[in-house]
Amino acid sequence: MDSQDDAKQSTADMTAFVQNLLQQMQSRFQTMSGSIISKIDEMGNRIDELEQSINDLRTEMGQEGSPSPSDPAKTGEEPKSASVVCSFLRQLRINQSTWC
């Protein structure tokens, strides 16, 4: 009978261990998920601010009707506002390949 009690205790210990491990994993997942969502929200706000800054610059430069940097006109010369946009993108650590 002693080996049956040991087997039951071993099973109970293993069950408790697995439940504890699953709870820890769920807690870590929730923490990471919250962190990711927070960073996505922050990046969205930064993109909104960047978009507003770009629009403000375009207005200041009198380039309301000019094409976006992702669809450049073949003028042969990069507008000054493009270097400002690239500077913003560097600050935000955004992939600049389509802009600069």
PDB file of N, CA and C in Angstrom:
ATOM      1  N   MET A   1       0.813  -1.189   0.000  1.00  0.00           N
ATOM      2  CA  MET A   1       0.000   0.000   0.000  1.00  0.00           C
ATOM      3  C   MET A   1       0.860   1.259   0.000  1.00  0.00           C
ATOM      4  N   ASP A   2       2.056   1.169   0.527  1.00  0.00           N
ATOM      5  CA  ASP A   2       2.936   2.324   0.643  1.00  0.00           C
ATOM      6  C   ASP A   2       3.322   2.862  -0.736  1.00  0.00           C
ATOM      7  N   SER A   3       3.556   1.965  -1.716  1.00  0.00           N
ATOM      8  CA  SER A   3       3.932   2.421  -3.054  1.00  0.00           C
ATOM      9  C   SER A   3       2.767   3.092  -3.759  1.00  0.00           C
ATOM     10  N   GLN A   4       1.534   2.691  -3.441  1.00  0.00           N
ATOM     11  CA  GLN A   4       0.365   3.350  -4.014  1.00  0.00           C
ATOM     12  C   GLN A   4       0.237   4.770  -3.460  1.00  0.00           C
ATOM     13  N   ASP A   5       0.484   4.938  -2.183  1.00  0.00           N
ATOM     14  CA  ASP A   5       0.440   6.264  -1.574  1.00  0.00           C
ATOM     15  C   ASP A   5       1.522   7.159  -2.153  1.00  0.00           C
ATOM     16  N   ASP A   6       2.709   6.575  -2.368  1.00  0.00           N
ATOM     17  CA  ASP A   6       3.804   7.335  -2.977  1.00  0.00           C
ATOM     18  C   ASP A   6       3.448   7.757  -4.404  1.00  0.00           C
ATOM     19  N   ALA A   7       2.824   6.859  -5.139  1.00  0.00           N
ATOM     20  CA  ALA A   7       2.430   7.164  -6.517  1.00  0.00           C
ATOM     21  C   ALA A   7       1.378   8.270  -6.533  1.00  0.00           C
ATOM     22  N   LYS A   8       0.419   8.205  -5.611  1.00  0.00           N
ATOM     23  CA  LYS A   8      -0.614   9.240  -5.536  1.00  0.00           C
ATOM     24  C   LYS A   8       0.000  10.585  -5.155  1.00  0.00           C
ATOM     25  N   GLN A   9       0.932  10.555  -4.190  1.00  0.00           N
ATOM     26  CA  GLN A   9       1.604  11.792  -3.776  1.00  0.00           C
ATOM     27  C   GLN A   9       2.437  12.359  -4.916  1.00  0.00           C
ATOM     28  N   SER A  10       3.124  11.475  -5.640  1.00  0.00           N
ATOM     29  CA  SER A  10       3.939  11.904  -6.776  1.00  0.00           C
ATOM     30  C   SER A  10       3.063  12.535  -7.860  1.00  0.00           C
ATOM     31  N   THR A  11       1.910  11.927  -8.104  1.00  0.00           N
ATOM     32  CA  THR A  11       0.975  12.471  -9.096  1.00  0.00           C
ATOM     33  C   THR A  11       0.444  13.829  -8.639  1.00  0.00           C
ATOM     34  N   ALA A  12       0.107  13.941  -7.380  1.00  0.00           N
ATOM     35  CA  ALA A  12      -0.390  15.210  -6.840  1.00  0.00           C
ATOM     36  C   ALA A  12       0.685  16.290  -6.915  1.00  0.00           C
ATOM     37  N   ASP A  13       1.920  15.920  -6.596  1.00  0.00           N
ATOM     38  CA  ASP A  13       3.026  16.870  -6.680  1.00  0.00           C
ATOM     39  C   ASP A  13       3.239  17.340  -8.119  1.00  0.00           C
ATOM     40  N   MET A  14       3.180  16.398  -9.047  1.00  0.00           N
ATOM     41  CA  MET A  14       3.380  16.735 -10.457  1.00  0.00           C
ATOM     42  C   MET A  14       2.239  17.634 -10.944  1.00  0.00           C
ATOM     43  N   THR A  15       1.016  17.343 -10.537  1.00  0.00           N
ATOM     44  CA  THR A  15      -0.128  18.162 -10.916  1.00  0.00           C
ATOM     45  C   THR A  15       0.028  19.585 -10.377  1.00  0.00           C
ATOM     46  N   ALA A  16       0.417  19.710  -9.131  1.00  0.00           N
ATOM     47  CA  ALA A  16       0.618  21.027  -8.529  1.00  0.00           C
ATOM     48  C   ALA A  16       1.731  21.781  -9.237  1.00  0.00           C
ATOM     49  N   PHE A  17       2.811  21.071  -9.575  1.00  0.00           N
ATOM     50  CA  PHE A  17       3.934  21.688 -10.274  1.00  0.00           C
ATOM     51  C   PHE A  17       3.496  22.222 -11.637  1.00  0.00           C
ATOM     52  N   VAL A  18       2.749  21.396 -12.387  1.00  0.00           N
ATOM     53  CA  VAL A  18       2.307  21.798 -13.727  1.00  0.00           C
ATOM     54  C   VAL A  18       1.337  22.977 -13.635  1.00  0.00           C
ATOM     55  N   GLN A  19       0.425  22.949 -12.670  1.00  0.00           N
ATOM     56  CA  GLN A  19      -0.513  24.064 -12.510  1.00  0.00           C
ATOM     57  C   GLN A  19       0.232  25.356 -12.169  1.00  0.00           C
ATOM     58  N   ASN A  20       1.209  25.261 -11.293  1.00  0.00           N
ATOM     59  CA  ASN A  20       2.009  26.428 -10.929  1.00  0.00           C
ATOM     60  C   ASN A  20       2.762  26.964 -12.150  1.00  0.00           C
ATOM     61  N   LEU A  21       3.336  26.064 -12.909  1.00  0.00           N
ATOM     62  CA  LEU A  21       4.072  26.455 -14.110  1.00  0.00           C
ATOM     63  C   LEU A  21       3.144  27.145 -15.112  1.00  0.00           C
ATOM     64  N   LEU A  22       1.956  26.604 -15.308  1.00  0.00           N
ATOM     65  CA  LEU A  22       0.999  27.213 -16.229  1.00  0.00           C
ATOM     66  C   LEU A  22       0.561  28.596 -15.751  1.00  0.00           C
ATOM     67  N   GLN A  23       0.380  28.752 -14.448  1.00  0.00           N
ATOM     68  CA  GLN A  23       0.017  30.062 -13.909  1.00  0.00           C
ATOM     69  C   GLN A  23       1.136  31.075 -14.128  1.00  0.00           C
ATOM     70  N   GLN A  24       2.378  30.639 -13.935  1.00  0.00           N
ATOM     71  CA  GLN A  24       3.513  31.529 -14.167  1.00  0.00           C
ATOM     72  C   GLN A  24       3.586  31.938 -15.642  1.00  0.00           C
ATOM     73  N   MET A  25       3.381  30.965 -16.522  1.00  0.00           N
ATOM     74  CA  MET A  25       3.427  31.255 -17.958  1.00  0.00           C
ATOM     75  C   MET A  25       2.313  32.216 -18.350  1.00  0.00           C
ATOM     76  N   GLN A  26       1.113  32.018 -17.802  1.00  0.00           N
ATOM     77  CA  GLN A  26       0.001  32.906 -18.106  1.00  0.00           C
ATOM     78  C   GLN A  26       0.294  34.322 -17.607  1.00  0.00           C
ATOM     79  N   SER A  27       0.851  34.433 -16.439  1.00  0.00           N
ATOM     80  CA  SER A  27       1.195  35.740 -15.881  1.00  0.00           C
ATOM     81  C   SER A  27       2.229  36.447 -16.752  1.00  0.00           C
ATOM     82  N   ARG A  28       3.253  35.717 -17.164  1.00  0.00           N
ATOM     83  CA  ARG A  28       4.282  36.315 -18.026  1.00  0.00           C
ATOM     84  C   ARG A  28       3.703  36.711 -19.373  1.00  0.00           C
ATOM     85  N   PHE A  29       2.823  35.867 -19.913  1.00  0.00           N
ATOM     86  CA  PHE A  29       2.196  36.177 -21.193  1.00  0.00           C
ATOM     87  C   PHE A  29       1.362  37.449 -21.078  1.00  0.00           C
ATOM     88  N   GLN A  30       0.600  37.579 -20.002  1.00  0.00           N
ATOM     89  CA  GLN A  30      -0.216  38.778 -19.816  1.00  0.00           C
ATOM     90  C   GLN A  30       0.655  40.019 -19.672  1.00  0.00           C
ATOM     91  N   THR A  31       1.762  39.896 -18.965  1.00  0.00           N
ATOM     92  CA  THR A  31       2.679  41.022 -18.812  1.00  0.00           C
ATOM     93  C   THR A  31       3.265  41.432 -20.164  1.00  0.00           C
ATOM     94  N   MET A  32       3.723  40.450 -20.934  1.00  0.00           N
ATOM     95  CA  MET A  32       4.295  40.747 -22.251  1.00  0.00           C
ATOM     96  C   MET A  32       3.238  41.312 -23.185  1.00  0.00           C
ATOM     97  N   SER A  33       2.041  40.756 -23.144  1.00  0.00           N
ATOM     98  CA  SER A  33       0.954  41.232 -23.990  1.00  0.00           C
ATOM     99  C   SER A  33       0.636  42.691 -23.673  1.00  0.00           C
ATOM    100  N   GLY A  34       0.551  43.022 -22.400  1.00  0.00           N
ATOM    101  CA  GLY A  34       0.303  44.408 -22.003  1.00  0.00           C
ATOM    102  C   GLY A  34       1.401  45.336 -22.460  1.00  0.00           C
ATOM    103  N   SER A  35       2.642  44.865 -22.358  1.00  0.00           N
ATOM    104  CA  SER A  35       3.784  45.664 -22.783  1.00  0.00           C
ATOM    105  C   SER A  35       3.748  45.911 -24.296  1.00  0.00           C
ATOM    106  N   ILE A  36       3.431  44.873 -25.050  1.00  0.00           N
ATOM    107  CA  ILE A  36       3.367  44.993 -26.514  1.00  0.00           C
ATOM    108  C   ILE A  36       2.265  45.962 -26.913  1.00  0.00           C
ATOM    109  N   ILE A  37       1.101  45.827 -26.304  1.00  0.00           N
ATOM    110  CA  ILE A  37      -0.016  46.722 -26.628  1.00  0.00           C
ATOM    111  C   ILE A  37       0.347  48.157 -26.288  1.00  0.00           C
ATOM    112  N   SER A  38       1.007  48.356 -25.151  1.00  0.00           N
ATOM    113  CA  SER A  38       1.433  49.694 -24.753  1.00  0.00           C
ATOM    114  C   SER A  38       2.403  50.282 -25.778  1.00  0.00           C
ATOM    115  N   LYS A  39       3.357  49.477 -26.228  1.00  0.00           N
ATOM    116  CA  LYS A  39       4.330  49.957 -27.210  1.00  0.00           C
ATOM    117  C   LYS A  39       3.671  50.250 -28.553  1.00  0.00           C
ATOM    118  N   ILE A  40       2.684  49.446 -28.937  1.00  0.00           N
ATOM    119  CA  ILE A  40       1.958  49.703 -30.185  1.00  0.00           C
ATOM    120  C   ILE A  40       1.192  51.015 -30.085  1.00  0.00           C
ATOM    121  N   ASP A  41       0.536  51.236 -28.944  1.00  0.00           N
ATOM    122  CA  ASP A  41      -0.181  52.500 -28.745  1.00  0.00           C
ATOM    123  C   ASP A  41       0.775  53.684 -28.793  1.00  0.00           C
ATOM    124  N   GLU A  42       1.925  53.531 -28.148  1.00  0.00           N
ATOM    125  CA  GLU A  42       2.928  54.603 -28.151  1.00  0.00           C
ATOM    126  C   GLU A  42       3.423  54.882 -29.568  1.00  0.00           C
ATOM    127  N   MET A  43       3.676  53.821 -30.330  1.00  0.00           N
ATOM    128  CA  MET A  43       4.145  53.998 -31.707  1.00  0.00           C
ATOM    129  C   MET A  43       3.057  54.660 -32.551  1.00  0.00           C
ATOM    130  N   GLY A  44       1.804  54.297 -32.325  1.00  0.00           N
ATOM    131  CA  GLY A  44       0.706  54.940 -33.049  1.00  0.00           C
ATOM    132  C   GLY A  44       0.659  56.431 -32.767  1.00  0.00           C
ATOM    133  N   ASN A  45       0.840  56.797 -31.512  1.00  0.00           N
ATOM    134  CA  ASN A  45       0.867  58.219 -31.151  1.00  0.00           C
ATOM    135  C   ASN A  45       2.041  58.927 -31.808  1.00  0.00           C
ATOM    136  N   ARG A  46       3.193  58.270 -31.829  1.00  0.00           N
ATOM    137  CA  ARG A  46       4.375  58.884 -32.444  1.00  0.00           C
ATOM    138  C   ARG A  46       4.178  59.051 -33.949  1.00  0.00           C
ATOM    139  N   ILE A  47       3.533  58.075 -34.573  1.00  0.00           N
ATOM    140  CA  ILE A  47       3.266  58.171 -36.011  1.00  0.00           C
ATOM    141  C   ILE A  47       2.287  59.306 -36.286  1.00  0.00           C
ATOM    142  N   ASP A  48       1.260  59.430 -35.433  1.00  0.00           N
ATOM    143  CA  ASP A  48       0.310  60.538 -35.593  1.00  0.00           C
ATOM    144  C   ASP A  48       1.027  61.878 -35.467  1.00  0.00           C
ATOM    145  N   GLU A  49       1.924  61.994 -34.482  1.00  0.00           N
ATOM    146  CA  GLU A  49       2.683  63.230 -34.310  1.00  0.00           C
ATOM    147  C   GLU A  49       3.579  63.487 -35.507  1.00  0.00           C
ATOM    148  N   LEU A  50       4.201  62.435 -36.025  1.00  0.00           N
ATOM    149  CA  LEU A  50       5.060  62.573 -37.204  1.00  0.00           C
ATOM    150  C   LEU A  50       4.249  63.033 -38.405  1.00  0.00           C
ATOM    151  N   GLU A  51       3.093  62.426 -38.594  1.00  0.00           N
ATOM    152  CA  GLU A  51       2.236  62.816 -39.713  1.00  0.00           C
ATOM    153  C   GLU A  51       1.834  64.288 -39.598  1.00  0.00           C
ATOM    154  N   GLN A  52       1.490  64.713 -38.388  1.00  0.00           N
ATOM    155  CA  GLN A  52       1.120  66.115 -38.192  1.00  0.00           C
ATOM    156  C   GLN A  52       2.315  67.034 -38.457  1.00  0.00           C
ATOM    157  N   SER A  53       3.493  66.626 -38.000  1.00  0.00           N
ATOM    158  CA  SER A  53       4.697  67.434 -38.238  1.00  0.00           C
ATOM    159  C   SER A  53       5.000  67.541 -39.722  1.00  0.00           C
ATOM    160  N   ILE A  54       4.839  66.439 -40.433  1.00  0.00           N
ATOM    161  CA  ILE A  54       5.079  66.446 -41.880  1.00  0.00           C
ATOM    162  C   ILE A  54       4.093  67.388 -42.559  1.00  0.00           C
ATOM    163  N   ASN A  55       2.823  67.284 -42.177  1.00  0.00           N
ATOM    164  CA  ASN A  55       1.815  68.169 -42.767  1.00  0.00           C
ATOM    165  C   ASN A  55       2.107  69.632 -42.451  1.00  0.00           C
ATOM    166  N   ASP A  56       2.547  69.897 -41.223  1.00  0.00           N
ATOM    167  CA  ASP A  56       2.904  71.272 -40.850  1.00  0.00           C
ATOM    168  C   ASP A  56       4.077  71.767 -41.691  1.00  0.00           C
ATOM    169  N   LEU A  57       5.071  70.925 -41.872  1.00  0.00           N
ATOM    170  CA  LEU A  57       6.233  71.308 -42.679  1.00  0.00           C
ATOM    171  C   LEU A  57       5.830  71.565 -44.125  1.00  0.00           C
ATOM    172  N   ARG A  58       4.989  70.703 -44.651  1.00  0.00           N
ATOM    173  CA  ARG A  58       4.558  70.874 -46.042  1.00  0.00           C
ATOM    174  C   ARG A  58       3.785  72.183 -46.190  1.00  0.00           C
ATOM    175  N   THR A  59       2.972  72.505 -45.192  1.00  0.00           N
ATOM    176  CA  THR A  59       2.226  73.756 -45.227  1.00  0.00           C
ATOM    177  C   THR A  59       3.187  74.940 -45.164  1.00  0.00           C
ATOM    178  N   GLU A  60       4.159  74.869 -44.270  1.00  0.00           N
ATOM    179  CA  GLU A  60       5.148  75.947 -44.146  1.00  0.00           C
ATOM    180  C   GLU A  60       5.941  76.138 -45.430  1.00  0.00           C
ATOM    181  N   MET A  61       6.249  75.040 -46.091  1.00  0.00           N
ATOM    182  CA  MET A  61       7.061  75.102 -47.303  1.00  0.00           C
ATOM    183  C   MET A  61       6.209  75.410 -48.538  1.00  0.00           C
ATOM    184  N   GLY A  62       4.899  75.466 -48.369  1.00  0.00           N
ATOM    185  CA  GLY A  62       4.034  75.757 -49.504  1.00  0.00           C
ATOM    186  C   GLY A  62       3.949  74.607 -50.475  1.00  0.00           C
ATOM    187  N   GLN A  63       4.043  73.404 -49.977  1.00  0.00           N
ATOM    188  CA  GLN A  63       4.049  72.215 -50.837  1.00  0.00           C
ATOM    189  C   GLN A  63       2.819  71.350 -50.601  1.00  0.00           C
ATOM    190  N   GLU A  64       1.685  71.969 -50.399  1.00  0.00           N
ATOM    191  CA  GLU A  64       0.450  71.234 -50.132  1.00  0.00           C
ATOM    192  C   GLU A  64       0.167  70.206 -51.219  1.00  0.00           C
ATOM    193  N   GLY A  65       0.374  70.558 -52.470  1.00  0.00           N
ATOM    194  CA  GLY A  65       0.024  69.662 -53.566  1.00  0.00           C
ATOM    195  C   GLY A  65       1.149  68.769 -54.030  1.00  0.00           C
ATOM    196  N   SER A  66       2.271  68.779 -53.345  1.00  0.00           N
ATOM    197  CA  SER A  66       3.409  67.974 -53.802  1.00  0.00           C
ATOM    198  C   SER A  66       3.191  66.507 -53.475  1.00  0.00           C
ATOM    199  N   PRO A  67       3.793  65.610 -54.258  1.00  0.00           N
ATOM    200  CA  PRO A  67       3.639  64.181 -53.997  1.00  0.00           C
ATOM    201  C   PRO A  67       4.351  63.770 -52.711  1.00  0.00           C
ATOM    202  N   SER A  68       3.903  62.678 -52.126  1.00  0.00           N
ATOM    203  CA  SER A  68       4.526  62.185 -50.894  1.00  0.00           C
ATOM    204  C   SER A  68       5.913  61.633 -51.198  1.00  0.00           C
ATOM    205  N   PRO A  69       6.778  61.556 -50.197  1.00  0.00           N
ATOM    206  CA  PRO A  69       8.130  61.035 -50.420  1.00  0.00           C
ATOM    207  C   PRO A  69       8.139  59.604 -50.931  1.00  0.00           C
ATOM    208  N   SER A  70       7.093  58.815 -50.697  1.00  0.00           N
ATOM    209  CA  SER A  70       7.077  57.442 -51.191  1.00  0.00           C
ATOM    210  C   SER A  70       6.779  57.386 -52.679  1.00  0.00           C
ATOM    211  N   ASP A  71       6.325  58.495 -53.270  1.00  0.00           N
ATOM    212  CA  ASP A  71       6.041  58.566 -54.701  1.00  0.00           C
ATOM    213  C   ASP A  71       6.675  59.839 -55.256  1.00  0.00           C
ATOM    214  N   PRO A  72       8.024  59.897 -55.253  1.00  0.00           N
ATOM    215  CA  PRO A  72       8.702  61.148 -55.612  1.00  0.00           C
ATOM    216  C   PRO A  72       8.543  61.518 -57.081  1.00  0.00           C
ATOM    217  N   ALA A  73       8.435  62.811 -57.321  1.00  0.00           N
ATOM    218  CA  ALA A  73       8.423  63.311 -58.696  1.00  0.00           C
ATOM    219  C   ALA A  73       9.853  63.301 -59.214  1.00  0.00           C
ATOM    220  N   LYS A  74      10.004  63.243 -60.522  1.00  0.00           N
ATOM    221  CA  LYS A  74      11.343  63.194 -61.101  1.00  0.00           C
ATOM    222  C   LYS A  74      11.853  64.605 -61.344  1.00  0.00           C
ATOM    223  N   THR A  75      12.120  65.292 -60.244  1.00  0.00           N
ATOM    224  CA  THR A  75      12.610  66.667 -60.355  1.00  0.00           C
ATOM    225  C   THR A  75      14.124  66.716 -60.400  1.00  0.00           C
ATOM    226  N   GLY A  76      14.780  65.658 -59.962  1.00  0.00           N
ATOM    227  CA  GLY A  76      16.230  65.633 -59.967  1.00  0.00           C
ATOM    228  C   GLY A  76      16.835  66.162 -58.694  1.00  0.00           C
ATOM    229  N   GLU A  77      16.053  66.853 -57.882  1.00  0.00           N
ATOM    230  CA  GLU A  77      16.577  67.416 -56.642  1.00  0.00           C
ATOM    231  C   GLU A  77      15.612  67.101 -55.502  1.00  0.00           C
ATOM    232  N   GLU A  78      16.171  66.646 -54.410  1.00  0.00           N
ATOM    233  CA  GLU A  78      15.351  66.314 -53.254  1.00  0.00           C
ATOM    234  C   GLU A  78      14.935  67.604 -52.544  1.00  0.00           C
ATOM    235  N   PRO A  79      13.622  67.743 -52.242  1.00  0.00           N
ATOM    236  CA  PRO A  79      13.199  68.951 -51.528  1.00  0.00           C
ATOM    237  C   PRO A  79      13.769  68.984 -50.121  1.00  0.00           C
ATOM    238  N   LYS A  80      13.914  70.200 -49.580  1.00  0.00           N
ATOM    239  CA  LYS A  80      14.480  70.338 -48.241  1.00  0.00           C
ATOM    240  C   LYS A  80      13.631  69.651 -47.191  1.00  0.00           C
ATOM    241  N   SER A  81      12.317  69.636 -47.398  1.00  0.00           N
ATOM    242  CA  SER A  81      11.442  69.000 -46.413  1.00  0.00           C
ATOM    243  C   SER A  81      11.713  67.507 -46.306  1.00  0.00           C
ATOM    244  N   ALA A  82      12.222  66.877 -47.365  1.00  0.00           N
ATOM    245  CA  ALA A  82      12.515  65.448 -47.326  1.00  0.00           C
ATOM    246  C   ALA A  82      13.607  65.144 -46.306  1.00  0.00           C
ATOM    247  N   SER A  83      14.610  66.019 -46.213  1.00  0.00           N
ATOM    248  CA  SER A  83      15.669  65.775 -45.229  1.00  0.00           C
ATOM    249  C   SER A  83      15.137  65.927 -43.811  1.00  0.00           C
ATOM    250  N   VAL A  84      14.164  66.825 -43.628  1.00  0.00           N
ATOM    251  CA  VAL A  84      13.547  66.993 -42.315  1.00  0.00           C
ATOM    252  C   VAL A  84      12.739  65.742 -41.967  1.00  0.00           C
ATOM    253  N   VAL A  85      12.017  65.226 -42.956  1.00  0.00           N
ATOM    254  CA  VAL A  85      11.233  64.001 -42.745  1.00  0.00           C
ATOM    255  C   VAL A  85      12.168  62.859 -42.373  1.00  0.00           C
ATOM    256  N   CYS A  86      13.263  62.719 -43.072  1.00  0.00           N
ATOM    257  CA  CYS A  86      14.224  61.658 -42.776  1.00  0.00           C
ATOM    258  C   CYS A  86      14.778  61.803 -41.364  1.00  0.00           C
ATOM    259  N   SER A  87      15.005  63.030 -40.946  1.00  0.00           N
ATOM    260  CA  SER A  87      15.479  63.271 -39.592  1.00  0.00           C
ATOM    261  C   SER A  87      14.447  62.803 -38.567  1.00  0.00           C
ATOM    262  N   PHE A  88      13.166  63.116 -38.812  1.00  0.00           N
ATOM    263  CA  PHE A  88      12.110  62.636 -37.920  1.00  0.00           C
ATOM    264  C   PHE A  88      12.074  61.119 -37.884  1.00  0.00           C
ATOM    265  N   LEU A  89      12.190  60.501 -39.042  1.00  0.00           N
ATOM    266  CA  LEU A  89      12.137  59.037 -39.105  1.00  0.00           C
ATOM    267  C   LEU A  89      13.303  58.415 -38.345  1.00  0.00           C
ATOM    268  N   ARG A  90      14.475  59.046 -38.447  1.00  0.00           N
ATOM    269  CA  ARG A  90      15.620  58.533 -37.693  1.00  0.00           C
ATOM    270  C   ARG A  90      15.351  58.618 -36.194  1.00  0.00           C
ATOM    271  N   GLN A  91      14.765  59.721 -35.766  1.00  0.00           N
ATOM    272  CA  GLN A  91      14.453  59.894 -34.344  1.00  0.00           C
ATOM    273  C   GLN A  91      13.446  58.860 -33.879  1.00  0.00           C
ATOM    274  N   LEU A  92      12.503  58.516 -34.731  1.00  0.00           N
ATOM    275  CA  LEU A  92      11.483  57.542 -34.367  1.00  0.00           C
ATOM    276  C   LEU A  92      11.929  56.108 -34.632  1.00  0.00           C
ATOM    277  N   ARG A  93      13.094  55.962 -35.233  1.00  0.00           N
ATOM    278  CA  ARG A  93      13.641  54.647 -35.570  1.00  0.00           C
ATOM    279  C   ARG A  93      12.709  53.855 -36.481  1.00  0.00           C
ATOM    280  N   ILE A  94      12.135  54.554 -37.443  1.00  0.00           N
ATOM    281  CA  ILE A  94      11.241  53.936 -38.429  1.00  0.00           C
ATOM    282  C   ILE A  94      12.070  53.592 -39.659  1.00  0.00           C
ATOM    283  N   ASN A  95      11.724  52.496 -40.300  1.00  0.00           N
ATOM    284  CA  ASN A  95      12.399  52.085 -41.523  1.00  0.00           C
ATOM    285  C   ASN A  95      12.276  53.220 -42.541  1.00  0.00           C
ATOM    286  N   GLN A  96      13.390  53.693 -43.005  1.00  0.00           N
ATOM    287  CA  GLN A  96      13.417  54.855 -43.870  1.00  0.00           C
ATOM    288  C   GLN A  96      13.507  54.488 -45.355  1.00  0.00           C
ATOM    289  N   SER A  97      13.500  53.219 -45.676  1.00  0.00           N
ATOM    290  CA  SER A  97      13.770  52.797 -47.054  1.00  0.00           C
ATOM    291  C   SER A  97      12.784  53.376 -48.060  1.00  0.00           C
ATOM    292  N   THR A  98      11.526  53.557 -47.691  1.00  0.00           N
ATOM    293  CA  THR A  98      10.567  54.098 -48.641  1.00  0.00           C
ATOM    294  C   THR A  98      10.540  55.616 -48.647  1.00  0.00           C
ATOM    295  N   TRP A  99      11.173  56.245 -47.663  1.00  0.00           N
ATOM    296  CA  TRP A  99      11.127  57.699 -47.537  1.00  0.00           C
ATOM    297  C   TRP A  99      12.430  58.369 -47.915  1.00  0.00           C
ATOM    298  N   CYS A 100      13.544  57.783 -47.547  1.00  0.00           N
ATOM    299  CA  CYS A 100      14.823  58.481 -47.705  1.00  0.00           C
ATOM    300  C   CYS A 100      15.727  57.791 -48.707  1.00  0.00           C
TER     301      CYS A 100
END
